[in-house]
């Protein structure tokens, strides 16, 4: 792997731990996103609104959780392929601090900054 001089096993463990945590949190999100009962005799208007808001937030959390799981799987694939830690845009190594902050990141800070400027 050209230019990579950090412990890949450290990142593999972090990615596997993140994947396990997100998978375990799936049950919590599914329960919170369940259909809200709209029977006015059982639940007041504000309680229903709170429940609907909670349901929408849980649904968004579930969407983001699935996206993060996909990112983790792609990062694990890059580890296996030998391209983990290399910028997908320029091919240069991604800073270890950047990978420590977000181990699924695919581009270096310079390329990320360039994308923001466009």
PDB file of N, CA and C in Angstrom:
ATOM      1  N   UNK A   1       0.848  -1.173   0.000  1.00  0.00           N
ATOM      2  CA  UNK A   1       0.000   0.000   0.000  1.00  0.00           C
ATOM      3  C   UNK A   1       0.890   1.232   0.000  1.00  0.00           C
ATOM      4  N   UNK A   2       0.850   2.024  -1.031  1.00  0.00           N
ATOM      5  CA  UNK A   2       1.768   3.147  -1.147  1.00  0.00           C
ATOM      6  C   UNK A   2       1.389   4.285  -0.217  1.00  0.00           C
ATOM      7  N   UNK A   3       2.366   4.711   0.597  1.00  0.00           N
ATOM      8  CA  UNK A   3       2.172   5.870   1.442  1.00  0.00           C
ATOM      9  C   UNK A   3       1.392   5.633   2.729  1.00  0.00           C
ATOM     10  N   UNK A   4       0.957   4.415   2.988  1.00  0.00           N
ATOM     11  CA  UNK A   4       0.190   4.142   4.195  1.00  0.00           C
ATOM     12  C   UNK A   4       1.132   3.532   5.217  1.00  0.00           C
ATOM     13  N   UNK A   5       1.282   4.209   6.350  1.00  0.00           N
ATOM     14  CA  UNK A   5       2.180   3.702   7.384  1.00  0.00           C
ATOM     15  C   UNK A   5       1.501   3.737   8.749  1.00  0.00           C
ATOM     16  N   UNK A   6       0.244   3.319   8.804  1.00  0.00           N
ATOM     17  CA  UNK A   6      -0.456   3.251  10.075  1.00  0.00           C
ATOM     18  C   UNK A   6      -1.065   1.868  10.244  1.00  0.00           C
ATOM     19  N   UNK A   7      -1.524   1.602  11.448  1.00  0.00           N
ATOM     20  CA  UNK A   7      -2.044   0.285  11.817  1.00  0.00           C
ATOM     21  C   UNK A   7      -3.441   0.065  11.230  1.00  0.00           C
ATOM     22  N   UNK A   8      -3.498  -0.664  10.142  1.00  0.00           N
ATOM     23  CA  UNK A   8      -4.780  -0.940   9.494  1.00  0.00           C
ATOM     24  C   UNK A   8      -5.689  -1.781  10.384  1.00  0.00           C
ATOM     25  N   UNK A   9      -5.088  -2.630  11.200  1.00  0.00           N
ATOM     26  CA  UNK A   9      -5.891  -3.483  12.085  1.00  0.00           C
ATOM     27  C   UNK A   9      -6.669  -2.637  13.100  1.00  0.00           C
ATOM     28  N   UNK A  10      -6.091  -1.537  13.526  1.00  0.00           N
ATOM     29  CA  UNK A  10      -6.778  -0.601  14.430  1.00  0.00           C
ATOM     30  C   UNK A  10      -8.070  -0.113  13.775  1.00  0.00           C
ATOM     31  N   UNK A  11      -7.993   0.252  12.509  1.00  0.00           N
ATOM     32  CA  UNK A  11      -9.175   0.759  11.816  1.00  0.00           C
ATOM     33  C   UNK A  11     -10.163  -0.367  11.512  1.00  0.00           C
ATOM     34  N   UNK A  12      -9.674  -1.551  11.239  1.00  0.00           N
ATOM     35  CA  UNK A  12     -10.577  -2.689  11.026  1.00  0.00           C
ATOM     36  C   UNK A  12     -11.392  -2.950  12.300  1.00  0.00           C
ATOM     37  N   UNK A  13     -10.727  -2.948  13.450  1.00  0.00           N
ATOM     38  CA  UNK A  13     -11.437  -3.155  14.725  1.00  0.00           C
ATOM     39  C   UNK A  13     -12.466  -2.048  14.973  1.00  0.00           C
ATOM     40  N   UNK A  14     -12.079  -0.805  14.704  1.00  0.00           N
ATOM     41  CA  UNK A  14     -13.016   0.315  14.897  1.00  0.00           C
ATOM     42  C   UNK A  14     -14.229   0.181  13.994  1.00  0.00           C
ATOM     43  N   UNK A  15     -13.999  -0.181  12.746  1.00  0.00           N
ATOM     44  CA  UNK A  15     -15.102  -0.323  11.796  1.00  0.00           C
ATOM     45  C   UNK A  15     -16.024  -1.468  12.196  1.00  0.00           C
ATOM     46  N   UNK A  16     -15.447  -2.577  12.627  1.00  0.00           N
ATOM     47  CA  UNK A  16     -16.271  -3.711  13.060  1.00  0.00           C
ATOM     48  C   UNK A  16     -17.074  -3.366  14.310  1.00  0.00           C
ATOM     49  N   UNK A  17     -16.466  -2.613  15.220  1.00  0.00           N
ATOM     50  CA  UNK A  17     -17.180  -2.188  16.425  1.00  0.00           C
ATOM     51  C   UNK A  17     -18.333  -1.238  16.061  1.00  0.00           C
ATOM     52  N   UNK A  18     -18.073  -0.294  15.185  1.00  0.00           N
ATOM     53  CA  UNK A  18     -19.131   0.618  14.733  1.00  0.00           C
ATOM     54  C   UNK A  18     -20.275  -0.154  14.083  1.00  0.00           C
ATOM     55  N   UNK A  19     -19.931  -1.122  13.244  1.00  0.00           N
ATOM     56  CA  UNK A  19     -20.959  -1.919  12.573  1.00  0.00           C
ATOM     57  C   UNK A  19     -21.798  -2.686  13.592  1.00  0.00           C
ATOM     58  N   UNK A  20     -21.148  -3.265  14.586  1.00  0.00           N
ATOM     59  CA  UNK A  20     -21.881  -4.011  15.609  1.00  0.00           C
ATOM     60  C   UNK A  20     -22.812  -3.091  16.407  1.00  0.00           C
ATOM     61  N   UNK A  21     -22.311  -1.914  16.792  1.00  0.00           N
ATOM     62  CA  UNK A  21     -23.130  -0.968  17.551  1.00  0.00           C
ATOM     63  C   UNK A  21     -24.344  -0.518  16.741  1.00  0.00           C
ATOM     64  N   UNK A  22     -24.136  -0.210  15.470  1.00  0.00           N
ATOM     65  CA  UNK A  22     -25.253   0.233  14.629  1.00  0.00           C
ATOM     66  C   UNK A  22     -26.262  -0.888  14.404  1.00  0.00           C
ATOM     67  N   UNK A  23     -25.785  -2.097  14.286  1.00  0.00           N
ATOM     68  CA  UNK A  23     -26.679  -3.241  14.100  1.00  0.00           C
ATOM     69  C   UNK A  23     -27.494  -3.484  15.361  1.00  0.00           C
ATOM     70  N   UNK A  24     -26.855  -3.367  16.521  1.00  0.00           N
ATOM     71  CA  UNK A  24     -27.565  -3.559  17.787  1.00  0.00           C
ATOM     72  C   UNK A  24     -28.591  -2.454  18.026  1.00  0.00           C
ATOM     73  N   UNK A  25     -28.331  -1.252  17.539  1.00  0.00           N
ATOM     74  CA  UNK A  25     -29.265  -0.139  17.709  1.00  0.00           C
ATOM     75  C   UNK A  25     -30.470  -0.228  16.775  1.00  0.00           C
ATOM     76  N   UNK A  26     -30.449  -1.136  15.838  1.00  0.00           N
ATOM     77  CA  UNK A  26     -31.547  -1.249  14.881  1.00  0.00           C
ATOM     78  C   UNK A  26     -32.865  -1.561  15.571  1.00  0.00           C
ATOM     79  N   UNK A  27     -32.857  -2.419  16.570  1.00  0.00           N
ATOM     80  CA  UNK A  27     -34.094  -2.802  17.264  1.00  0.00           C
ATOM     81  C   UNK A  27     -34.709  -1.604  17.981  1.00  0.00           C
ATOM     82  N   UNK A  28     -33.888  -0.767  18.566  1.00  0.00           N
ATOM     83  CA  UNK A  28     -34.376   0.421  19.266  1.00  0.00           C
ATOM     84  C   UNK A  28     -35.063   1.362  18.279  1.00  0.00           C
ATOM     85  N   UNK A  29     -34.427   1.581  17.138  1.00  0.00           N
ATOM     86  CA  UNK A  29     -34.986   2.481  16.132  1.00  0.00           C
ATOM     87  C   UNK A  29     -36.285   1.972  15.550  1.00  0.00           C
ATOM     88  N   UNK A  30     -36.389   0.673  15.339  1.00  0.00           N
ATOM     89  CA  UNK A  30     -37.616   0.106  14.775  1.00  0.00           C
ATOM     90  C   UNK A  30     -38.785   0.271  15.732  1.00  0.00           C
ATOM     91  N   UNK A  31     -38.557   0.106  17.017  1.00  0.00           N
ATOM     92  CA  UNK A  31     -39.637   0.257  18.001  1.00  0.00           C
ATOM     93  C   UNK A  31     -40.114   1.709  18.050  1.00  0.00           C
ATOM     94  N   UNK A  32     -39.191   2.649  17.984  1.00  0.00           N
ATOM     95  CA  UNK A  32     -39.567   4.061  18.054  1.00  0.00           C
ATOM     96  C   UNK A  32     -40.248   4.547  16.781  1.00  0.00           C
ATOM     97  N   UNK A  33     -39.971   3.888  15.658  1.00  0.00           N
ATOM     98  CA  UNK A  33     -40.547   4.307  14.384  1.00  0.00           C
ATOM     99  C   UNK A  33     -41.870   3.614  14.089  1.00  0.00           C
ATOM    100  N   UNK A  34     -42.389   2.874  15.032  1.00  0.00           N
ATOM    101  CA  UNK A  34     -43.644   2.150  14.821  1.00  0.00           C
ATOM    102  C   UNK A  34     -44.777   3.128  14.524  1.00  0.00           C
ATOM    103  N   UNK A  35     -45.819   2.617  13.902  1.00  0.00           N
ATOM    104  CA  UNK A  35     -46.965   3.431  13.520  1.00  0.00           C
ATOM    105  C   UNK A  35     -47.602   4.051  14.760  1.00  0.00           C
ATOM    106  N   UNK A  36     -47.938   5.333  14.658  1.00  0.00           N
ATOM    107  CA  UNK A  36     -48.534   6.069  15.774  1.00  0.00           C
ATOM    108  C   UNK A  36     -50.041   5.851  15.778  1.00  0.00           C
ATOM    109  N   UNK A  37     -50.579   5.544  16.941  1.00  0.00           N
ATOM    110  CA  UNK A  37     -52.023   5.364  17.128  1.00  0.00           C
ATOM    111  C   UNK A  37     -52.703   6.728  17.037  1.00  0.00           C
ATOM    112  N   UNK A  38     -53.732   6.862  16.189  1.00  0.00           N
ATOM    113  CA  UNK A  38     -54.391   8.142  15.992  1.00  0.00           C
ATOM    114  C   UNK A  38     -55.770   8.214  16.645  1.00  0.00           C
ATOM    115  N   UNK A  39     -56.082   7.357  17.546  1.00  0.00           N
ATOM    116  CA  UNK A  39     -57.364   7.346  18.233  1.00  0.00           C
ATOM    117  C   UNK A  39     -57.398   8.502  19.230  1.00  0.00           C
ATOM    118  N   UNK A  40     -58.213   9.552  18.922  1.00  0.00           N
ATOM    119  CA  UNK A  40     -58.241  10.749  19.771  1.00  0.00           C
ATOM    120  C   UNK A  40     -58.772  10.467  21.169  1.00  0.00           C
ATOM    121  N   UNK A  41     -59.566   9.444  21.313  1.00  0.00           N
ATOM    122  CA  UNK A  41     -60.087   9.154  22.646  1.00  0.00           C
ATOM    123  C   UNK A  41     -59.004   8.598  23.567  1.00  0.00           C
ATOM    124  N   UNK A  42     -57.940   8.086  22.980  1.00  0.00           N
ATOM    125  CA  UNK A  42     -56.860   7.498  23.780  1.00  0.00           C
ATOM    126  C   UNK A  42     -55.683   8.441  23.955  1.00  0.00           C
ATOM    127  N   UNK A  43     -55.438   9.302  22.982  1.00  0.00           N
ATOM    128  CA  UNK A  43     -54.252  10.155  23.030  1.00  0.00           C
ATOM    129  C   UNK A  43     -54.656  11.574  22.649  1.00  0.00           C
ATOM    130  N   UNK A  44     -54.193  12.553  23.409  1.00  0.00           N
ATOM    131  CA  UNK A  44     -54.487  13.951  23.103  1.00  0.00           C
ATOM    132  C   UNK A  44     -53.735  14.425  21.878  1.00  0.00           C
ATOM    133  N   UNK A  45     -54.159  15.565  21.361  1.00  0.00           N
ATOM    134  CA  UNK A  45     -53.587  16.117  20.135  1.00  0.00           C
ATOM    135  C   UNK A  45     -52.082  16.372  20.267  1.00  0.00           C
ATOM    136  N   UNK A  46     -51.658  16.990  21.353  1.00  0.00           N
ATOM    137  CA  UNK A  46     -50.233  17.278  21.542  1.00  0.00           C
ATOM    138  C   UNK A  46     -49.423  15.996  21.705  1.00  0.00           C
ATOM    139  N   UNK A  47     -49.983  15.028  22.393  1.00  0.00           N
ATOM    140  CA  UNK A  47     -49.285  13.748  22.554  1.00  0.00           C
ATOM    141  C   UNK A  47     -49.105  13.069  21.205  1.00  0.00           C
ATOM    142  N   UNK A  48     -50.141  13.149  20.354  1.00  0.00           N
ATOM    143  CA  UNK A  48     -50.037  12.559  19.014  1.00  0.00           C
ATOM    144  C   UNK A  48     -48.978  13.285  18.201  1.00  0.00           C
ATOM    145  N   UNK A  49     -48.964  14.625  18.309  1.00  0.00           N
ATOM    146  CA  UNK A  49     -47.966  15.402  17.571  1.00  0.00           C
ATOM    147  C   UNK A  49     -46.556  15.035  18.033  1.00  0.00           C
ATOM    148  N   UNK A  50     -46.381  14.893  19.333  1.00  0.00           N
ATOM    149  CA  UNK A  50     -45.082  14.468  19.869  1.00  0.00           C
ATOM    150  C   UNK A  50     -44.709  13.088  19.345  1.00  0.00           C
ATOM    151  N   UNK A  51     -45.692  12.192  19.330  1.00  0.00           N
ATOM    152  CA  UNK A  51     -45.432  10.833  18.851  1.00  0.00           C
ATOM    153  C   UNK A  51     -45.085  10.835  17.367  1.00  0.00           C
ATOM    154  N   UNK A  52     -45.787  11.659  16.576  1.00  0.00           N
ATOM    155  CA  UNK A  52     -45.487  11.741  15.144  1.00  0.00           C
ATOM    156  C   UNK A  52     -44.095  12.330  14.908  1.00  0.00           C
ATOM    157  N   UNK A  53     -43.741  13.338  15.699  1.00  0.00           N
ATOM    158  CA  UNK A  53     -42.409  13.917  15.576  1.00  0.00           C
ATOM    159  C   UNK A  53     -41.344  12.888  15.954  1.00  0.00           C
ATOM    160  N   UNK A  54     -41.592  12.154  17.026  1.00  0.00           N
ATOM    161  CA  UNK A  54     -40.657  11.102  17.431  1.00  0.00           C
ATOM    162  C   UNK A  54     -40.528  10.033  16.359  1.00  0.00           C
ATOM    163  N   UNK A  55     -41.639   9.705  15.728  1.00  0.00           N
ATOM    164  CA  UNK A  55     -41.624   8.713  14.666  1.00  0.00           C
ATOM    165  C   UNK A  55     -40.799   9.209  13.478  1.00  0.00           C
ATOM    166  N   UNK A  56     -40.983  10.469  13.095  1.00  0.00           N
ATOM    167  CA  UNK A  56     -40.224  11.043  11.978  1.00  0.00           C
ATOM    168  C   UNK A  56     -38.731  11.080  12.299  1.00  0.00           C
ATOM    169  N   UNK A  57     -38.396  11.442  13.529  1.00  0.00           N
ATOM    170  CA  UNK A  57     -36.988  11.478  13.926  1.00  0.00           C
ATOM    171  C   UNK A  57     -36.390  10.075  13.913  1.00  0.00           C
ATOM    172  N   UNK A  58     -37.157   9.094  14.381  1.00  0.00           N
ATOM    173  CA  UNK A  58     -36.674   7.711  14.381  1.00  0.00           C
ATOM    174  C   UNK A  58     -36.489   7.195  12.969  1.00  0.00           C
ATOM    175  N   UNK A  59     -37.391   7.585  12.085  1.00  0.00           N
ATOM    176  CA  UNK A  59     -37.283   7.173  10.694  1.00  0.00           C
ATOM    177  C   UNK A  59     -36.017   7.750  10.059  1.00  0.00           C
ATOM    178  N   UNK A  60     -35.730   9.016  10.327  1.00  0.00           N
ATOM    179  CA  UNK A  60     -34.517   9.645   9.810  1.00  0.00           C
ATOM    180  C   UNK A  60     -33.274   8.996  10.419  1.00  0.00           C
ATOM    181  N   UNK A  61     -33.324   8.697  11.712  1.00  0.00           N
ATOM    182  CA  UNK A  61     -32.199   8.015  12.362  1.00  0.00           C
ATOM    183  C   UNK A  61     -31.946   6.667  11.676  1.00  0.00           C
ATOM    184  N   UNK A  62     -33.006   5.938  11.385  1.00  0.00           N
ATOM    185  CA  UNK A  62     -32.868   4.633  10.736  1.00  0.00           C
ATOM    186  C   UNK A  62     -32.249   4.786   9.346  1.00  0.00           C
ATOM    187  N   UNK A  63     -32.667   5.803   8.616  1.00  0.00           N
ATOM    188  CA  UNK A  63     -32.105   6.062   7.288  1.00  0.00           C
ATOM    189  C   UNK A  63     -30.601   6.346   7.389  1.00  0.00           C
ATOM    190  N   UNK A  64     -30.223   7.196   8.339  1.00  0.00           N
ATOM    191  CA  UNK A  64     -28.802   7.529   8.517  1.00  0.00           C
ATOM    192  C   UNK A  64     -27.999   6.327   9.015  1.00  0.00           C
ATOM    193  N   UNK A  65     -28.624   5.511   9.875  1.00  0.00           N
ATOM    194  CA  UNK A  65     -27.955   4.316  10.375  1.00  0.00           C
ATOM    195  C   UNK A  65     -27.632   3.380   9.216  1.00  0.00           C
ATOM    196  N   UNK A  66     -28.580   3.195   8.303  1.00  0.00           N
ATOM    197  CA  UNK A  66     -28.362   2.324   7.141  1.00  0.00           C
ATOM    198  C   UNK A  66     -27.281   2.882   6.234  1.00  0.00           C
ATOM    199  N   UNK A  67     -27.286   4.207   6.019  1.00  0.00           N
ATOM    200  CA  UNK A  67     -26.250   4.829   5.201  1.00  0.00           C
ATOM    201  C   UNK A  67     -24.865   4.636   5.832  1.00  0.00           C
ATOM    202  N   UNK A  68     -24.793   4.784   7.144  1.00  0.00           N
ATOM    203  CA  UNK A  68     -23.513   4.618   7.832  1.00  0.00           C
ATOM    204  C   UNK A  68     -23.040   3.163   7.741  1.00  0.00           C
ATOM    205  N   UNK A  69     -23.969   2.221   7.846  1.00  0.00           N
ATOM    206  CA  UNK A  69     -23.606   0.809   7.693  1.00  0.00           C
ATOM    207  C   UNK A  69     -23.025   0.537   6.308  1.00  0.00           C
ATOM    208  N   UNK A  70     -23.616   1.131   5.286  1.00  0.00           N
ATOM    209  CA  UNK A  70     -23.092   0.969   3.921  1.00  0.00           C
ATOM    210  C   UNK A  70     -21.686   1.552   3.834  1.00  0.00           C
ATOM    211  N   UNK A  71     -21.470   2.717   4.437  1.00  0.00           N
ATOM    212  CA  UNK A  71     -20.137   3.335   4.438  1.00  0.00           C
ATOM    213  C   UNK A  71     -19.119   2.454   5.148  1.00  0.00           C
ATOM    214  N   UNK A  72     -19.540   1.838   6.226  1.00  0.00           N
ATOM    215  CA  UNK A  72     -18.651   0.931   6.967  1.00  0.00           C
ATOM    216  C   UNK A  72     -18.296  -0.275   6.113  1.00  0.00           C
ATOM    217  N   UNK A  73     -19.285  -0.849   5.445  1.00  0.00           N
ATOM    218  CA  UNK A  73     -19.025  -2.006   4.578  1.00  0.00           C
ATOM    219  C   UNK A  73     -18.059  -1.633   3.458  1.00  0.00           C
ATOM    220  N   UNK A  74     -18.231  -0.452   2.880  1.00  0.00           N
ATOM    221  CA  UNK A  74     -17.316  -0.008   1.820  1.00  0.00           C
ATOM    222  C   UNK A  74     -15.902   0.194   2.362  1.00  0.00           C
ATOM    223  N   UNK A  75     -15.792   0.737   3.568  1.00  0.00           N
ATOM    224  CA  UNK A  75     -14.473   0.926   4.173  1.00  0.00           C
ATOM    225  C   UNK A  75     -13.804  -0.425   4.433  1.00  0.00           C
ATOM    226  N   UNK A  76     -14.573  -1.398   4.899  1.00  0.00           N
ATOM    227  CA  UNK A  76     -14.019  -2.745   5.119  1.00  0.00           C
ATOM    228  C   UNK A  76     -13.577  -3.374   3.800  1.00  0.00           C
ATOM    229  N   UNK A  77     -14.324  -3.122   2.734  1.00  0.00           N
ATOM    230  CA  UNK A  77     -13.927  -3.620   1.413  1.00  0.00           C
ATOM    231  C   UNK A  77     -12.616  -2.972   0.974  1.00  0.00           C
ATOM    232  N   UNK A  78     -12.478  -1.653   1.227  1.00  0.00           N
ATOM    233  CA  UNK A  78     -11.233  -0.973   0.872  1.00  0.00           C
ATOM    234  C   UNK A  78     -10.061  -1.530   1.669  1.00  0.00           C
ATOM    235  N   UNK A  79     -10.298  -1.909   2.919  1.00  0.00           N
ATOM    236  CA  UNK A  79      -9.250  -2.536   3.717  1.00  0.00           C
ATOM    237  C   UNK A  79      -8.791  -3.825   3.056  1.00  0.00           C
ATOM    238  N   UNK A  80      -9.751  -4.628   2.611  1.00  0.00           N
ATOM    239  CA  UNK A  80      -9.416  -5.910   1.968  1.00  0.00           C
ATOM    240  C   UNK A  80      -8.695  -5.698   0.638  1.00  0.00           C
ATOM    241  N   UNK A  81      -9.105  -4.681  -0.104  1.00  0.00           N
ATOM    242  CA  UNK A  81      -8.514  -4.399  -1.422  1.00  0.00           C
ATOM    243  C   UNK A  81      -7.141  -3.750  -1.323  1.00  0.00           C
ATOM    244  N   UNK A  82      -6.858  -3.159  -0.161  1.00  0.00           N
ATOM    245  CA  UNK A  82      -5.582  -2.473   0.005  1.00  0.00           C
ATOM    246  C   UNK A  82      -5.636  -0.996  -0.342  1.00  0.00           C
ATOM    247  N   UNK A  83      -6.837  -0.435  -0.498  1.00  0.00           N
ATOM    248  CA  UNK A  83      -6.937   0.982  -0.838  1.00  0.00           C
ATOM    249  C   UNK A  83      -7.445   1.834   0.321  1.00  0.00           C
ATOM    250  N   UNK A  84      -7.631   1.230   1.488  1.00  0.00           N
ATOM    251  CA  UNK A  84      -8.115   1.987   2.642  1.00  0.00           C
ATOM    252  C   UNK A  84      -7.076   3.025   3.048  1.00  0.00           C
ATOM    253  N   UNK A  85      -7.532   4.221   3.332  1.00  0.00           N
ATOM    254  CA  UNK A  85      -6.631   5.287   3.773  1.00  0.00           C
ATOM    255  C   UNK A  85      -6.069   6.105   2.635  1.00  0.00           C
ATOM    256  N   UNK A  86      -6.419   5.747   1.410  1.00  0.00           N
ATOM    257  CA  UNK A  86      -5.990   6.526   0.251  1.00  0.00           C
ATOM    258  C   UNK A  86      -7.175   7.318  -0.266  1.00  0.00           C
ATOM    259  N   UNK A  87      -6.930   8.563  -0.616  1.00  0.00           N
ATOM    260  CA  UNK A  87      -7.983   9.443  -1.112  1.00  0.00           C
ATOM    261  C   UNK A  87      -8.545   8.891  -2.418  1.00  0.00           C
ATOM    262  N   UNK A  88      -9.861   8.789  -2.482  1.00  0.00           N
ATOM    263  CA  UNK A  88     -10.518   8.290  -3.695  1.00  0.00           C
ATOM    264  C   UNK A  88     -10.416   9.293  -4.832  1.00  0.00           C
ATOM    265  N   UNK A  89     -10.088  10.526  -4.510  1.00  0.00           N
ATOM    266  CA  UNK A  89     -10.018  11.561  -5.532  1.00  0.00           C
ATOM    267  C   UNK A  89      -8.604  11.730  -6.100  1.00  0.00           C
ATOM    268  N   UNK A  90      -7.616  11.877  -5.220  1.00  0.00           N
ATOM    269  CA  UNK A  90      -6.251  12.145  -5.686  1.00  0.00           C
ATOM    270  C   UNK A  90      -5.285  10.975  -5.478  1.00  0.00           C
ATOM    271  N   UNK A  91      -5.679   9.992  -4.665  1.00  0.00           N
ATOM    272  CA  UNK A  91      -4.828   8.831  -4.438  1.00  0.00           C
ATOM    273  C   UNK A  91      -3.791   8.998  -3.345  1.00  0.00           C
ATOM    274  N   UNK A  92      -3.702  10.185  -2.757  1.00  0.00           N
ATOM    275  CA  UNK A  92      -2.749  10.435  -1.679  1.00  0.00           C
ATOM    276  C   UNK A  92      -3.293   9.888  -0.357  1.00  0.00           C
ATOM    277  N   UNK A  93      -2.399   9.605   0.609  1.00  0.00           N
ATOM    278  CA  UNK A  93      -2.860   9.122   1.921  1.00  0.00           C
ATOM    279  C   UNK A  93      -3.731  10.153   2.633  1.00  0.00           C
ATOM    280  N   UNK A  94      -4.755   9.664   3.301  1.00  0.00           N
ATOM    281  CA  UNK A  94      -5.625  10.503   4.126  1.00  0.00           C
ATOM    282  C   UNK A  94      -4.971  10.608   5.504  1.00  0.00           C
ATOM    283  N   UNK A  95      -4.991  11.791   6.085  1.00  0.00           N
ATOM    284  CA  UNK A  95      -4.370  11.999   7.404  1.00  0.00           C
ATOM    285  C   UNK A  95      -4.981  11.057   8.437  1.00  0.00           C
ATOM    286  N   UNK A  96      -4.127  10.509   9.288  1.00  0.00           N
ATOM    287  CA  UNK A  96      -4.578   9.577  10.326  1.00  0.00           C
ATOM    288  C   UNK A  96      -5.607  10.242  11.236  1.00  0.00           C
ATOM    289  N   UNK A  97      -5.397  11.500  11.575  1.00  0.00           N
ATOM    290  CA  UNK A  97      -6.357  12.204  12.439  1.00  0.00           C
ATOM    291  C   UNK A  97      -7.736  12.259  11.783  1.00  0.00           C
ATOM    292  N   UNK A  98      -7.760  12.427  10.474  1.00  0.00           N
ATOM    293  CA  UNK A  98      -9.040  12.462   9.741  1.00  0.00           C
ATOM    294  C   UNK A  98      -9.707  11.094   9.782  1.00  0.00           C
ATOM    295  N   UNK A  99      -8.928  10.036   9.600  1.00  0.00           N
ATOM    296  CA  UNK A  99      -9.467   8.675   9.667  1.00  0.00           C
ATOM    297  C   UNK A  99      -9.892   8.326  11.088  1.00  0.00           C
ATOM    298  N   UNK A 100      -9.144   8.805  12.068  1.00  0.00           N
ATOM    299  CA  UNK A 100      -9.533   8.561  13.464  1.00  0.00           C
ATOM    300  C   UNK A 100     -10.878   9.221  13.773  1.00  0.00           C
ATOM    301  N   UNK A 101     -11.076  10.413  13.227  1.00  0.00           N
ATOM    302  CA  UNK A 101     -12.332  11.132  13.457  1.00  0.00           C
ATOM    303  C   UNK A 101     -13.499  10.413  12.776  1.00  0.00           C
ATOM    304  N   UNK A 102     -13.291   9.994  11.518  1.00  0.00           N
ATOM    305  CA  UNK A 102     -14.340   9.295  10.772  1.00  0.00           C
ATOM    306  C   UNK A 102     -13.682   8.197   9.925  1.00  0.00           C
ATOM    307  N   UNK A 103     -13.661   6.959  10.434  1.00  0.00           N
ATOM    308  CA  UNK A 103     -12.942   5.883   9.747  1.00  0.00           C
ATOM    309  C   UNK A 103     -13.536   5.466   8.401  1.00  0.00           C
ATOM    310  N   UNK A 104     -14.698   5.992   8.036  1.00  0.00           N
ATOM    311  CA  UNK A 104     -15.277   5.644   6.737  1.00  0.00           C
ATOM    312  C   UNK A 104     -14.985   6.693   5.668  1.00  0.00           C
ATOM    313  N   UNK A 105     -14.245   7.732   6.038  1.00  0.00           N
ATOM    314  CA  UNK A 105     -13.979   8.847   5.114  1.00  0.00           C
ATOM    315  C   UNK A 105     -13.218   8.333   3.892  1.00  0.00           C
ATOM    316  N   UNK A 106     -13.502   8.926   2.732  1.00  0.00           N
ATOM    317  CA  UNK A 106     -12.885   8.435   1.496  1.00  0.00           C
ATOM    318  C   UNK A 106     -12.005   9.459   0.802  1.00  0.00           C
ATOM    319  N   UNK A 107     -12.019  10.712   1.270  1.00  0.00           N
ATOM    320  CA  UNK A 107     -11.196  11.727   0.600  1.00  0.00           C
ATOM    321  C   UNK A 107     -10.377  12.517   1.613  1.00  0.00           C
ATOM    322  N   UNK A 108      -9.248  12.995   1.153  1.00  0.00           N
ATOM    323  CA  UNK A 108      -8.354  13.781   2.010  1.00  0.00           C
ATOM    324  C   UNK A 108      -8.944  15.181   2.219  1.00  0.00           C
ATOM    325  N   UNK A 109      -8.366  15.904   3.149  1.00  0.00           N
ATOM    326  CA  UNK A 109      -8.875  17.228   3.493  1.00  0.00           C
ATOM    327  C   UNK A 109      -8.728  18.201   2.334  1.00  0.00           C
ATOM    328  N   UNK A 110      -7.650  18.091   1.566  1.00  0.00           N
ATOM    329  CA  UNK A 110      -7.456  18.998   0.428  1.00  0.00           C
ATOM    330  C   UNK A 110      -8.548  18.797  -0.624  1.00  0.00           C
ATOM    331  N   UNK A 111      -8.857  17.548  -0.939  1.00  0.00           N
ATOM    332  CA  UNK A 111      -9.903  17.268  -1.930  1.00  0.00           C
ATOM    333  C   UNK A 111     -11.283  17.644  -1.398  1.00  0.00           C
ATOM    334  N   UNK A 112     -11.498  17.444  -0.104  1.00  0.00           N
ATOM    335  CA  UNK A 112     -12.775  17.827   0.495  1.00  0.00           C
ATOM    336  C   UNK A 112     -12.945  19.340   0.431  1.00  0.00           C
ATOM    337  N   UNK A 113     -11.884  20.073   0.711  1.00  0.00           N
ATOM    338  CA  UNK A 113     -11.932  21.529   0.639  1.00  0.00           C
ATOM    339  C   UNK A 113     -12.173  22.002  -0.799  1.00  0.00           C
ATOM    340  N   UNK A 114     -11.534  21.352  -1.741  1.00  0.00           N
ATOM    341  CA  UNK A 114     -11.722  21.707  -3.145  1.00  0.00           C
ATOM    342  C   UNK A 114     -13.160  21.457  -3.585  1.00  0.00           C
ATOM    343  N   UNK A 115     -13.775  20.385  -3.094  1.00  0.00           N
ATOM    344  CA  UNK A 115     -15.175  20.080  -3.446  1.00  0.00           C
ATOM    345  C   UNK A 115     -16.108  21.124  -2.856  1.00  0.00           C
ATOM    346  N   UNK A 116     -15.805  21.614  -1.655  1.00  0.00           N
ATOM    347  CA  UNK A 116     -16.640  22.635  -1.023  1.00  0.00           C
ATOM    348  C   UNK A 116     -16.569  23.947  -1.774  1.00  0.00           C
ATOM    349  N   UNK A 117     -15.428  24.237  -2.372  1.00  0.00           N
ATOM    350  CA  UNK A 117     -15.238  25.493  -3.089  1.00  0.00           C
ATOM    351  C   UNK A 117     -15.985  25.528  -4.424  1.00  0.00           C
ATOM    352  N   UNK A 118     -16.330  24.375  -4.949  1.00  0.00           N
ATOM    353  CA  UNK A 118     -17.007  24.343  -6.249  1.00  0.00           C
ATOM    354  C   UNK A 118     -18.484  24.494  -6.139  1.00  0.00           C
TER     355      UNK A 118
END
